[in-house]
Amino acid sequence: MTEPQEPEHRTGGPSATGPVEEAGRGDLIELDQSASSAAYAPVPARRADGGRAGRFWSARRIPAAVLALVVLGGSGLLLYDVAAVRADRPAMRWRRSLADELARRPLESAWLLGVAAVAVLIGLWLLVLAVTPGLRALLPMRRDRPGVRAALDRSAAALVLRDRAVEVSGVQSVRVRMGRGRAVVHAVSHFRELDDVRADLDTVLGTGIRELGLARPPSLSVHVRRPAKKG
């Protein structure tokens, strides 16, 4: 990709708070404008009658299945060996070897410290999976009706905003990166003043974000530049 001849246009007008607008079923959202980056930071709407719109939790079936199989296999093997010893049979070779190694090696042995570190890392990973919801690609939507939960994929939300942005006069191309807390829009304008294009994009995309119906509307950051000159 060729380097642009003009820097990104990120300056905006004076700081202001936009008008409070309707966002479905009487919910109100305020848009705060930052003069330094022309980024809007929507304030989350009040909770509707449907209840709290929390994030969706991932089932994490693969980690759970792997962990269950490992625990089942290890506990079954150990139980079989203990039962064999109780029946006056010798313990398995792996258990005798492990006991001999643990008896001979000191606690500061690199082998023991490495195994302990791996066990700690696996345990921390499992704890993180247990206490975090996952499914970061899904953006929860407002709950307007009890018992109904919905979410919007981040790529779909980015596509909706991109389609809105390309309809603005003077916009040649648009790239939208939709995160959980911010929507970053990079636009290329081949005519009109950059200030005017950015102001129109702020208005159109701000409206588009409100109409997505998200429980936590992301902030908006718009960057407009000229296309790279050929040759």
C-alpha atoms as a PDB file:
ATOM      1  CA  MET A   1       0.000   0.000   0.000  1.00  0.00           C
ATOM      2  CA  THR A   2       1.449   3.400  -0.945  1.00  0.00           C
ATOM      3  CA  GLU A   3       1.961   6.020   1.715  1.00  0.00           C
ATOM      4  CA  PRO A   4      -0.607   8.847   1.683  1.00  0.00           C
ATOM      5  CA  GLN A   5       0.612  12.248   0.609  1.00  0.00           C
ATOM      6  CA  GLU A   6      -1.427  14.031   3.233  1.00  0.00           C
ATOM      7  CA  PRO A   7      -1.715  13.096   6.900  1.00  0.00           C
ATOM      8  CA  GLU A   8      -4.899  11.839   8.443  1.00  0.00           C
ATOM      9  CA  HIS A   9      -7.377  14.546   9.347  1.00  0.00           C
ATOM     10  CA  ARG A  10      -8.265  14.105  13.018  1.00  0.00           C
ATOM     11  CA  THR A  11      -9.012  17.587  14.258  1.00  0.00           C
ATOM     12  CA  GLY A  12     -12.553  18.587  15.003  1.00  0.00           C
ATOM     13  CA  GLY A  13     -14.576  21.466  16.230  1.00  0.00           C
ATOM     14  CA  PRO A  14     -14.929  22.611  19.803  1.00  0.00           C
ATOM     15  CA  SER A  15     -15.969  20.130  22.440  1.00  0.00           C
ATOM     16  CA  ALA A  16     -19.667  19.769  22.782  1.00  0.00           C
ATOM     17  CA  THR A  17     -22.325  17.432  23.901  1.00  0.00           C
ATOM     18  CA  GLY A  18     -24.695  16.428  21.150  1.00  0.00           C
ATOM     19  CA  PRO A  19     -28.451  16.500  21.564  1.00  0.00           C
ATOM     20  CA  VAL A  20     -30.133  13.693  23.365  1.00  0.00           C
ATOM     21  CA  GLU A  21     -31.869  11.544  20.769  1.00  0.00           C
ATOM     22  CA  GLU A  22     -34.401   8.756  20.895  1.00  0.00           C
ATOM     23  CA  ALA A  23     -32.988   5.211  20.626  1.00  0.00           C
ATOM     24  CA  GLY A  24     -36.023   2.930  20.710  1.00  0.00           C
ATOM     25  CA  ARG A  25     -38.692   2.446  23.354  1.00  0.00           C
ATOM     26  CA  GLY A  26     -37.942   5.781  24.967  1.00  0.00           C
ATOM     27  CA  ASP A  27     -34.259   5.053  25.745  1.00  0.00           C
ATOM     28  CA  LEU A  28     -31.972   8.079  25.630  1.00  0.00           C
ATOM     29  CA  ILE A  29     -28.324   8.185  24.545  1.00  0.00           C
ATOM     30  CA  GLU A  30     -25.944  11.116  24.798  1.00  0.00           C
ATOM     31  CA  LEU A  31     -22.972  11.536  22.442  1.00  0.00           C
ATOM     32  CA  ASP A  32     -19.908  13.318  23.808  1.00  0.00           C
ATOM     33  CA  GLN A  33     -17.499  14.853  21.281  1.00  0.00           C
ATOM     34  CA  SER A  34     -13.776  15.136  21.928  1.00  0.00           C
ATOM     35  CA  ALA A  35     -12.050  18.080  20.233  1.00  0.00           C
ATOM     36  CA  SER A  36      -8.686  16.296  20.060  1.00  0.00           C
ATOM     37  CA  SER A  37      -9.725  13.225  18.066  1.00  0.00           C
ATOM     38  CA  ALA A  38     -13.257  14.002  16.917  1.00  0.00           C
ATOM     39  CA  ALA A  39     -14.351  10.809  18.674  1.00  0.00           C
ATOM     40  CA  TYR A  40     -17.847  10.342  20.008  1.00  0.00           C
ATOM     41  CA  ALA A  41     -18.320   8.415  23.240  1.00  0.00           C
ATOM     42  CA  PRO A  42     -21.944   7.298  23.541  1.00  0.00           C
ATOM     43  CA  VAL A  43     -23.248   6.911  27.063  1.00  0.00           C
ATOM     44  CA  PRO A  44     -24.946   3.505  27.567  1.00  0.00           C
ATOM     45  CA  ALA A  45     -28.705   3.612  27.438  1.00  0.00           C
ATOM     46  CA  ARG A  46     -30.804   3.062  30.514  1.00  0.00           C
ATOM     47  CA  ARG A  47     -31.809  -0.506  31.136  1.00  0.00           C
ATOM     48  CA  ALA A  48     -35.037  -1.454  29.429  1.00  0.00           C
ATOM     49  CA  ASP A  49     -37.754  -3.590  30.933  1.00  0.00           C
ATOM     50  CA  GLY A  50     -36.100  -6.766  29.625  1.00  0.00           C
ATOM     51  CA  GLY A  51     -33.390  -6.716  32.304  1.00  0.00           C
ATOM     52  CA  ARG A  52     -29.616  -6.513  32.263  1.00  0.00           C
ATOM     53  CA  ALA A  53     -27.963  -7.183  28.891  1.00  0.00           C
ATOM     54  CA  GLY A  54     -24.783  -8.997  29.906  1.00  0.00           C
ATOM     55  CA  ARG A  55     -22.211 -10.598  27.673  1.00  0.00           C
ATOM     56  CA  PHE A  56     -22.741 -14.076  26.266  1.00  0.00           C
ATOM     57  CA  TRP A  57     -20.683 -16.849  27.879  1.00  0.00           C
ATOM     58  CA  SER A  58     -18.804 -19.351  25.787  1.00  0.00           C
ATOM     59  CA  ALA A  59     -19.474 -23.032  26.497  1.00  0.00           C
ATOM     60  CA  ARG A  60     -15.786 -23.838  25.856  1.00  0.00           C
ATOM     61  CA  ARG A  61     -16.605 -27.433  25.055  1.00  0.00           C
ATOM     62  CA  ILE A  62     -13.158 -28.363  23.719  1.00  0.00           C
ATOM     63  CA  PRO A  63     -11.145 -27.286  26.825  1.00  0.00           C
ATOM     64  CA  ALA A  64     -13.768 -28.842  29.090  1.00  0.00           C
ATOM     65  CA  ALA A  65     -13.740 -32.117  27.141  1.00  0.00           C
ATOM     66  CA  VAL A  66      -9.922 -32.291  27.098  1.00  0.00           C
ATOM     67  CA  LEU A  67      -9.709 -31.587  30.810  1.00  0.00           C
ATOM     68  CA  ALA A  68     -12.411 -34.153  31.588  1.00  0.00           C
ATOM     69  CA  LEU A  69     -10.620 -36.828  29.538  1.00  0.00           C
ATOM     70  CA  VAL A  70      -7.260 -36.106  31.184  1.00  0.00           C
ATOM     71  CA  VAL A  71      -8.735 -36.204  34.700  1.00  0.00           C
ATOM     72  CA  LEU A  72     -10.743 -39.332  33.917  1.00  0.00           C
ATOM     73  CA  GLY A  73      -7.754 -41.167  32.435  1.00  0.00           C
ATOM     74  CA  GLY A  74      -5.358 -40.147  35.207  1.00  0.00           C
ATOM     75  CA  SER A  75      -7.745 -40.945  38.048  1.00  0.00           C
ATOM     76  CA  GLY A  76      -8.726 -44.278  36.464  1.00  0.00           C
ATOM     77  CA  LEU A  77      -5.098 -45.306  36.025  1.00  0.00           C
ATOM     78  CA  LEU A  78      -4.208 -44.319  39.570  1.00  0.00           C
ATOM     79  CA  LEU A  79      -7.261 -46.098  40.992  1.00  0.00           C
ATOM     80  CA  TYR A  80      -6.353 -49.280  39.108  1.00  0.00           C
ATOM     81  CA  ASP A  81      -2.790 -49.164  40.427  1.00  0.00           C
ATOM     82  CA  VAL A  82      -3.930 -48.594  44.014  1.00  0.00           C
ATOM     83  CA  ALA A  83      -6.368 -51.507  43.739  1.00  0.00           C
ATOM     84  CA  ALA A  84      -3.585 -53.726  42.335  1.00  0.00           C
ATOM     85  CA  VAL A  85      -1.294 -52.892  45.265  1.00  0.00           C
ATOM     86  CA  ARG A  86      -4.137 -53.651  47.687  1.00  0.00           C
ATOM     87  CA  ALA A  87      -4.469 -57.040  45.997  1.00  0.00           C
ATOM     88  CA  ASP A  88      -0.788 -57.829  46.806  1.00  0.00           C
ATOM     89  CA  ARG A  89       0.417 -57.083  43.293  1.00  0.00           C
ATOM     90  CA  PRO A  90       3.391 -54.856  42.503  1.00  0.00           C
ATOM     91  CA  ALA A  91       2.732 -51.255  41.633  1.00  0.00           C
ATOM     92  CA  MET A  92       3.059 -50.159  38.043  1.00  0.00           C
ATOM     93  CA  ARG A  93       6.519 -49.317  36.815  1.00  0.00           C
ATOM     94  CA  TRP A  94       5.681 -45.688  36.109  1.00  0.00           C
ATOM     95  CA  ARG A  95       4.570 -45.102  39.688  1.00  0.00           C
ATOM     96  CA  ARG A  96       7.681 -46.765  41.121  1.00  0.00           C
ATOM     97  CA  SER A  97       9.902 -44.742  38.802  1.00  0.00           C
ATOM     98  CA  LEU A  98       8.092 -41.514  39.684  1.00  0.00           C
ATOM     99  CA  ALA A  99       8.400 -42.216  43.405  1.00  0.00           C
ATOM    100  CA  ASP A 100      12.131 -42.954  43.049  1.00  0.00           C
ATOM    101  CA  GLU A 101      12.708 -39.767  41.056  1.00  0.00           C
ATOM    102  CA  LEU A 102      10.845 -37.624  43.585  1.00  0.00           C
ATOM    103  CA  ALA A 103      12.799 -39.235  46.443  1.00  0.00           C
ATOM    104  CA  ARG A 104      16.202 -38.648  44.802  1.00  0.00           C
ATOM    105  CA  ARG A 105      15.779 -35.181  43.298  1.00  0.00           C
ATOM    106  CA  PRO A 106      15.969 -32.085  45.551  1.00  0.00           C
ATOM    107  CA  LEU A 107      13.134 -29.558  45.535  1.00  0.00           C
ATOM    108  CA  GLU A 108      15.255 -26.959  43.711  1.00  0.00           C
ATOM    109  CA  SER A 109      15.797 -29.330  40.796  1.00  0.00           C
ATOM    110  CA  ALA A 110      15.209 -27.714  37.394  1.00  0.00           C
ATOM    111  CA  TRP A 111      13.082 -30.692  36.336  1.00  0.00           C
ATOM    112  CA  LEU A 112      10.734 -30.310  39.297  1.00  0.00           C
ATOM    113  CA  LEU A 113      10.544 -26.538  38.946  1.00  0.00           C
ATOM    114  CA  GLY A 114       9.734 -26.878  35.233  1.00  0.00           C
ATOM    115  CA  VAL A 115       6.929 -29.370  35.867  1.00  0.00           C
ATOM    116  CA  ALA A 116       5.542 -27.168  38.650  1.00  0.00           C
ATOM    117  CA  ALA A 117       5.635 -24.090  36.399  1.00  0.00           C
ATOM    118  CA  VAL A 118       3.765 -25.918  33.645  1.00  0.00           C
ATOM    119  CA  ALA A 119       1.144 -27.099  36.143  1.00  0.00           C
ATOM    120  CA  VAL A 120       0.709 -23.545  37.472  1.00  0.00           C
ATOM    121  CA  LEU A 121       0.314 -22.112  33.968  1.00  0.00           C
ATOM    122  CA  ILE A 122      -2.282 -24.728  33.056  1.00  0.00           C
ATOM    123  CA  GLY A 123      -4.169 -24.022  36.278  1.00  0.00           C
ATOM    124  CA  LEU A 124      -4.136 -20.253  35.648  1.00  0.00           C
ATOM    125  CA  TRP A 125      -5.348 -20.818  32.087  1.00  0.00           C
ATOM    126  CA  LEU A 126      -8.252 -22.919  33.344  1.00  0.00           C
ATOM    127  CA  LEU A 127      -9.128 -20.290  35.959  1.00  0.00           C
ATOM    128  CA  VAL A 128      -9.169 -17.551  33.317  1.00  0.00           C
ATOM    129  CA  LEU A 129     -11.450 -19.660  31.147  1.00  0.00           C
ATOM    130  CA  ALA A 130     -13.736 -20.268  34.113  1.00  0.00           C
ATOM    131  CA  VAL A 131     -14.182 -16.616  35.143  1.00  0.00           C
ATOM    132  CA  THR A 132     -14.263 -14.871  31.730  1.00  0.00           C
ATOM    133  CA  PRO A 133     -17.278 -14.958  29.405  1.00  0.00           C
ATOM    134  CA  GLY A 134     -15.449 -15.238  26.082  1.00  0.00           C
ATOM    135  CA  LEU A 135     -17.320 -14.753  22.782  1.00  0.00           C
ATOM    136  CA  ARG A 136     -15.668 -11.359  22.297  1.00  0.00           C
ATOM    137  CA  ALA A 137     -16.992 -11.192  18.724  1.00  0.00           C
ATOM    138  CA  LEU A 138     -20.588 -10.814  19.970  1.00  0.00           C
ATOM    139  CA  LEU A 139     -21.908  -7.407  21.021  1.00  0.00           C
ATOM    140  CA  PRO A 140     -24.930  -7.689  23.388  1.00  0.00           C
ATOM    141  CA  MET A 141     -28.032  -5.814  22.293  1.00  0.00           C
ATOM    142  CA  ARG A 142     -30.553  -4.057  24.491  1.00  0.00           C
ATOM    143  CA  ARG A 143     -33.120  -6.279  26.158  1.00  0.00           C
ATOM    144  CA  ASP A 144     -36.467  -4.716  25.316  1.00  0.00           C
ATOM    145  CA  ARG A 145     -38.490  -7.823  26.196  1.00  0.00           C
ATOM    146  CA  PRO A 146     -38.114 -10.158  29.188  1.00  0.00           C
ATOM    147  CA  GLY A 147     -36.642 -13.544  28.372  1.00  0.00           C
ATOM    148  CA  VAL A 148     -35.218 -12.468  25.016  1.00  0.00           C
ATOM    149  CA  ARG A 149     -31.479 -11.978  24.516  1.00  0.00           C
ATOM    150  CA  ALA A 150     -29.796 -10.991  21.279  1.00  0.00           C
ATOM    151  CA  ALA A 151     -26.303 -10.133  20.098  1.00  0.00           C
ATOM    152  CA  LEU A 152     -24.742  -8.642  16.999  1.00  0.00           C
ATOM    153  CA  ASP A 153     -21.532  -9.938  15.470  1.00  0.00           C
ATOM    154  CA  ARG A 154     -18.795  -7.308  15.365  1.00  0.00           C
ATOM    155  CA  SER A 155     -18.071  -7.966  11.692  1.00  0.00           C
ATOM    156  CA  ALA A 156     -21.757  -7.457  10.850  1.00  0.00           C
ATOM    157  CA  ALA A 157     -21.832  -4.199  12.833  1.00  0.00           C
ATOM    158  CA  ALA A 158     -18.705  -3.007  11.003  1.00  0.00           C
ATOM    159  CA  LEU A 159     -20.328  -3.857   7.665  1.00  0.00           C
ATOM    160  CA  VAL A 160     -23.441  -1.848   8.542  1.00  0.00           C
ATOM    161  CA  LEU A 161     -21.352   1.184   9.482  1.00  0.00           C
ATOM    162  CA  ARG A 162     -19.238   0.851   6.340  1.00  0.00           C
ATOM    163  CA  ASP A 163     -22.362   0.805   4.171  1.00  0.00           C
ATOM    164  CA  ARG A 164     -23.575   3.942   5.935  1.00  0.00           C
ATOM    165  CA  ALA A 165     -20.225   5.690   5.489  1.00  0.00           C
ATOM    166  CA  VAL A 166     -19.868   5.055   1.739  1.00  0.00           C
ATOM    167  CA  GLU A 167     -23.150   6.868   1.174  1.00  0.00           C
ATOM    168  CA  VAL A 168     -21.615  10.133   2.403  1.00  0.00           C
ATOM    169  CA  SER A 169     -20.769  12.533  -0.430  1.00  0.00           C
ATOM    170  CA  GLY A 170     -17.040  12.731  -1.081  1.00  0.00           C
ATOM    171  CA  VAL A 171     -16.156   9.376   0.475  1.00  0.00           C
ATOM    172  CA  GLN A 172     -14.163   7.156  -1.882  1.00  0.00           C
ATOM    173  CA  SER A 173     -13.432   4.186   0.387  1.00  0.00           C
ATOM    174  CA  VAL A 174     -13.986   3.265   4.031  1.00  0.00           C
ATOM    175  CA  ARG A 175     -12.387   0.823   6.427  1.00  0.00           C
ATOM    176  CA  VAL A 176     -14.157   0.117   9.739  1.00  0.00           C
ATOM    177  CA  ARG A 177     -12.643  -1.671  12.717  1.00  0.00           C
ATOM    178  CA  MET A 178     -15.329  -2.529  15.258  1.00  0.00           C
ATOM    179  CA  GLY A 179     -14.174  -3.262  18.779  1.00  0.00           C
ATOM    180  CA  ARG A 180     -16.099  -3.916  21.959  1.00  0.00           C
ATOM    181  CA  GLY A 181     -15.619  -0.347  23.183  1.00  0.00           C
ATOM    182  CA  ARG A 182     -14.747   1.704  20.082  1.00  0.00           C
ATOM    183  CA  ALA A 183     -15.525   1.858  16.392  1.00  0.00           C
ATOM    184  CA  VAL A 184     -12.562   3.225  14.416  1.00  0.00           C
ATOM    185  CA  VAL A 185     -13.362   4.465  10.916  1.00  0.00           C
ATOM    186  CA  HIS A 186     -10.705   5.299   8.310  1.00  0.00           C
ATOM    187  CA  ALA A 187     -12.147   7.050   5.252  1.00  0.00           C
ATOM    188  CA  VAL A 188     -10.578   8.303   2.029  1.00  0.00           C
ATOM    189  CA  SER A 189     -12.159  11.408   0.497  1.00  0.00           C
ATOM    190  CA  HIS A 190     -11.349  12.415  -3.074  1.00  0.00           C
ATOM    191  CA  PHE A 191     -13.287  15.692  -3.074  1.00  0.00           C
ATOM    192  CA  ARG A 192     -14.960  18.110  -0.654  1.00  0.00           C
ATOM    193  CA  GLU A 193     -13.286  19.617   2.377  1.00  0.00           C
ATOM    194  CA  LEU A 194     -12.064  17.067   4.896  1.00  0.00           C
ATOM    195  CA  ASP A 195     -13.772  18.917   7.741  1.00  0.00           C
ATOM    196  CA  ASP A 196     -17.127  18.664   5.977  1.00  0.00           C
ATOM    197  CA  VAL A 197     -16.668  14.974   5.160  1.00  0.00           C
ATOM    198  CA  ARG A 198     -15.673  14.173   8.723  1.00  0.00           C
ATOM    199  CA  ALA A 199     -18.639  16.095  10.145  1.00  0.00           C
ATOM    200  CA  ASP A 200     -21.039  14.213   7.872  1.00  0.00           C
ATOM    201  CA  LEU A 201     -19.428  10.904   8.830  1.00  0.00           C
ATOM    202  CA  ASP A 202     -19.735  11.762  12.523  1.00  0.00           C
ATOM    203  CA  THR A 203     -23.439  12.423  12.090  1.00  0.00           C
ATOM    204  CA  VAL A 204     -24.227   9.431   9.878  1.00  0.00           C
ATOM    205  CA  LEU A 205     -22.161   6.933  11.859  1.00  0.00           C
ATOM    206  CA  GLY A 206     -23.395   8.254  15.215  1.00  0.00           C
ATOM    207  CA  THR A 207     -26.939   7.634  14.044  1.00  0.00           C
ATOM    208  CA  GLY A 208     -25.930   4.225  12.700  1.00  0.00           C
ATOM    209  CA  ILE A 209     -24.461   3.184  16.036  1.00  0.00           C
ATOM    210  CA  ARG A 210     -27.613   4.214  17.876  1.00  0.00           C
ATOM    211  CA  GLU A 211     -29.757   2.252  15.445  1.00  0.00           C
ATOM    212  CA  LEU A 212     -27.712  -0.916  16.035  1.00  0.00           C
ATOM    213  CA  GLY A 213     -29.515  -1.239  19.374  1.00  0.00           C
ATOM    214  CA  LEU A 214     -26.414  -2.224  21.356  1.00  0.00           C
ATOM    215  CA  ALA A 215     -26.555  -2.393  25.135  1.00  0.00           C
ATOM    216  CA  ARG A 216     -23.198  -0.585  25.390  1.00  0.00           C
ATOM    217  CA  PRO A 217     -22.816   1.636  22.331  1.00  0.00           C
ATOM    218  CA  PRO A 218     -19.127   1.969  21.409  1.00  0.00           C
ATOM    219  CA  SER A 219     -17.374   5.288  21.060  1.00  0.00           C
ATOM    220  CA  LEU A 220     -16.646   6.519  17.560  1.00  0.00           C
ATOM    221  CA  SER A 221     -13.347   7.715  16.123  1.00  0.00           C
ATOM    222  CA  VAL A 222     -13.309   9.000  12.538  1.00  0.00           C
ATOM    223  CA  HIS A 223     -10.157   9.594  10.461  1.00  0.00           C
ATOM    224  CA  VAL A 224     -10.371  11.157   7.011  1.00  0.00           C
ATOM    225  CA  ARG A 225      -7.511  11.618   4.520  1.00  0.00           C
ATOM    226  CA  ARG A 226      -6.885  12.215   0.842  1.00  0.00           C
ATOM    227  CA  PRO A 227      -6.111   9.326  -1.503  1.00  0.00           C
ATOM    228  CA  ALA A 228      -2.470   8.631  -2.298  1.00  0.00           C
ATOM    229  CA  LYS A 229      -1.224  10.289  -5.445  1.00  0.00           C
ATOM    230  CA  LYS A 230      -0.071   7.933  -8.182  1.00  0.00           C
ATOM    231  CA  GLY A 231       3.406   8.177  -9.579  1.00  0.00           C
END
